[in-house]
Amino acid sequence: MKETILSRSVRLMFTVGLGLAAQQAVAQDNIQRVEITGSAVKRVAIEGALPVQTLSKAQIEQTGANTVADLVATLPSMQGFVTSSTSINGGGGGVQTASVHAIGSSYTLVLLNGRRMAPYSSGSAVNLASIPLAAVERVEILTDGASALYGSDAIAGVVNFILKKNQTDANIELTYNRPTKGSAGATTNVAISKGFGDLDNDGFNVLLAYSHDTQKELNASERRFAAPGGVHDFEEGGKRYSLYQLSGNSIPGNVTVRTANGNPAFNPSLITTGKCGAANTFQVGNRCLYNYGAVVELLPEMKRDGLFGSTNIKLGNDWTFFAEGLYSKFTSTARYAPPAQPLSLNINSPLYKAHVVPALGKLGIDPASVNSATMALRLVDAGGRTDDWKTDAKHLAFGVRGAQWGWDMEAAFTHSETTAADHAVAGYTSSDKLDALMAAGTYNPFIVPTAETRAALASAVLHQQLDETRSRINALNLRGSREVFQAPGGAAMLALGGDFMRQKYVYDPSAIAMGANSLQPNYTDSPIGGIQGSFPTDATRKSWGAFAELVVPVVKGLELTADLRYDSYDAVRDKMNFDSAGKLVAPAIKGNEASKSTYKLAAAWRPSDSLLLRGSYGTGFKAPILTDITNPLQGGGVANAHPCPITSGPLLALCDGTKEYNLLNGGNPFTGAAGLKPETSKQASLGLRVEPSKSLSLGMDVWDVKIKDQISKLPENEVFGNPAKYMGLFVSYYDPIQKENVLAASLTPFNLAQSHYRGIDWDHTYRMGKWNFNWTGTYMLKADFQTLPTDPVEHSVGRFDSYNAVTFRWISKLQVGWKQSDRLSHSLTGVYKSGYQDMSIAASSQAIRDEAGNFVSLSRKVEDSLVWDWQTRFKFNANLTLTGGVKNLFDREPPFSQRIAGGGNQLGYDGRYADPLGRQLYLVAGYKF
């Protein structure tokens, strides 16, 4: 007989003996009515039916985190978020996100004081870099998804940042954090806040806060484990291997010629001089390959200025007017390898005749047999590609809250917007100017770079804005709660509410990012090293939702909660509407309207003062994001290196063996069955908390989330790895830089996938005199997904999956606190991450060499990781507090990984999951007056 999810969860609860905590139950003489994340009902602040983790200001300080993103990364329940390291190699865009239980950033709702913020793109995921940590008073994490209160699209959960309020004193806090291996990666933080007026006594409160944060860049060359880049020696199973991940786009440039007898590839400079003379290049056969991993950053340079202000004014005895505003200016400057670009090469040009023809003679190839040629070039003379991402976030909310006719009510309006611009600082070049320089003989790509070649190319290097995105939401929220009847266990509470939202997303590429299209048909230029062929987007959608929540104390100790929510989304209005030929036509309504009712049932049972049992079951609903509907088919960059996927037909002429082929991205604008439909989910949780004494608290929750009709693009590895299955996605695409047709894979979104996540969260606390022990963690039982119904289910827990991501089996955090005196305290924190199956490397990838120099396949496991931090806090007096600490106390390096795809092109380790800074010393000085 099959074991059900519920029975299996119960069995795991008692056999594994782990747990999750939310908030500690408070003493009855200290109870107060407050609003809890995940519920609209104001009620006694004790742990309820849903798992809510709360980080107080003191707990935040104990982590030693410098930013909101650093704080989120310390939580064991967080996996799969975007880190600053992925902003290197042109991805990430300076974005840092939250992701509950590895389900994904797009399924995790981030709130500011319980209200939505503008996303960084067209969905709902928020850039955490826009939130200054200095303004945060506490953080509440609801690890149960599909909230009736905040939106059924919060399938993974909710992270609610509660900002400071009703402060009357002035606070100044200075923080400096520096690695022990030099100043690279060092951070500084300055925070100042001042409050005026006490709301209870004066009838008003005004709070102003300012913060300034900086982080220096960290380069691969500054860390032993990353400095080798793509030529990295390691040992596995008692044998020696080398990670040999190099690029065919090199300097001097490699050339591929097409003849009737084949398409030989070689480096003209190597053939004529006998060596690869440029830095970071290696000879492999007749080509010079470039070690791009040795020249990337591990962490980008970052700067943030944040200004927060709030006011609360009493309007009589029962009502309060409130307003809050946040302005954040965040800059992330990331540098990675110089531009890598295949370029068409005119076989009648002086450049070809002077450098390629002599090499052909030495190789025994008749120049007359060559039909065409392509150059694979690494423009080292342009410098490393450097993006300066500037993000401005503005968030304003105001409204009233109070009591009338027995109802606790609140009405609020929120205007939130994010503007992100990508500026080319170095590395990117103009295609037209480069062509002109090479045609005139001013710049020669077939010689080793020198100061003279850099000067010759300088006029082609771009110093301009590449694109800008603007995301905005306007939302009106209404809600109220009251007692409705007396149940046997106490007063039953009812909450009602609704919200109305208008979301707008604009993508505005520069002229050079668009290249030649219908908007500028006489324009020919494109950026070498970046995305080209972009089209602008201007999409808008309206939505509304309504909810009801009923909490009934059935009998003393047993409380039942029922939530019902209805959401309705309009179709998307697209002002930048392009036809199949890429011509701008009249604005259109695209995609499908979507609406659905969702629900949640939850129960909390307290058979005694020391035991809580709880459970919930609910459904979720998530509409497609705007760009999944409106994006026109356009250039999407290049894939990782893949063997030629074509075996016959006219596209075969566009193949050049193993190389980086082009990718195209676009939306799905259709209506009806051909268009996108919403994703749906089911989630359940079952938990307990046992407190046998005042000093011991044990808790856990088993949770389960299923998502159906998941909107997804086929991963490039899947498409290129199974070309016969996806042959219809391969097309001939005119590359505006190469100025010729190339092979490209078209990746557009469909309701393809389904996924299933399950795990256990735990939180155990023990207090003994001046000592305090807290053990939290997450154990992942399942993280499965299926791209197509006909595909096998991929089990991704503890392994590097086909989407180039990892779901850790175990993430655990142990904190030991010692309060030596009222003025002096210490803490020791250890964070453990279990090892996982590394990216599997096939011999055909030509990425791993054995001792004999042969390319081989290799499967291996990445080691477990355990990092310890120490903190000491001394309170000189009521005004001055000093905190000092050591992060990564034993200076443990990130474990080696043979990953060659995903993240920010860091090689030798995975920068998404490990901190490259090593041991760090930090000092925090806080002064109140």
Foldseek 3Di string as FASTA:
>chain_A
DDDDPVNVQVVCCPPVVFFFAADAADDPVPWDFDDDPLDPGTDTPGDFFFHKHKQAPVNQVVQVDQFPLSSLLQAQQWDQWDDQLQPFLPPDLSATFTDGNNPYQLLEAEEEQLHAFWDPFQGRTHRRLQDGPLFFRMKMWGQCALRQAHGLSNHRTYIYTYGDPQDAWKKWKWKWKAFPLDRAFIKIKIKIKHKHDGCVPRQKMKMKMKMKMKTHWAALCSFPLFQVAQFAWDDDPNFIWTFHDWAQAEFLWKKWFDFPVGTDIAALLCLVVVDDPAPQWDDDPRGITHRFSNGFILGWIKMKMKMKMKMWGDDPDWKIKIKIKMKMKMKTKTWTFFFWDKAWDDCPAPLNVVGVVVSCVSVVHDSVRTDTMIITHGPCLFPTWIKIKIKIKMKMKIWMWGDDPQKTKIKMKIKIKMKIWIWTQTRKFKLVVVVVLVRVVLARSSDHDDPSNSVSRVVGIDGGIFKMKMKIKIKIKIKIKGFDDAAQQGTKMKMKMKMKMKIKMKIGGDDQQQAAAQVHPVGQIHIRRDHHNFDIWIKMKIKMKIKMKMWHPNHHQKIKMKMKMKMKIAFMWIQQAADPRRHGDHIDGFEEIAMDMKMKIKMWGDPDPFKIKMKMKIKGKGFDGDFLAGFAKGWDAWAAWAADQDDDDPQVVQGDGTHTFTEIEGHHGHYDPSGAYIKMKMKMKIKMWGHPDPFKIKIKMKMKMKIALDKDWDFPCVCRVCVVVPVVQWDWDQDSSNRGTHIYGYIHIGSAKMWMWIKMWIWIWGDDVQKIKIKIKIATPFTWMDRHPPGDIDTAEQEQDPNRGHHFRIWMKMKMKGPPDPFKIKMKMKIKTAKGKADWAALSVVRMATPVRGRHTDIDIWHIDMFMKMKMKGHPDPFKIKMKIKTRVVQDAATFGSDCDDRNSRHRHHSRSDDHSTIMIMMMMMGID
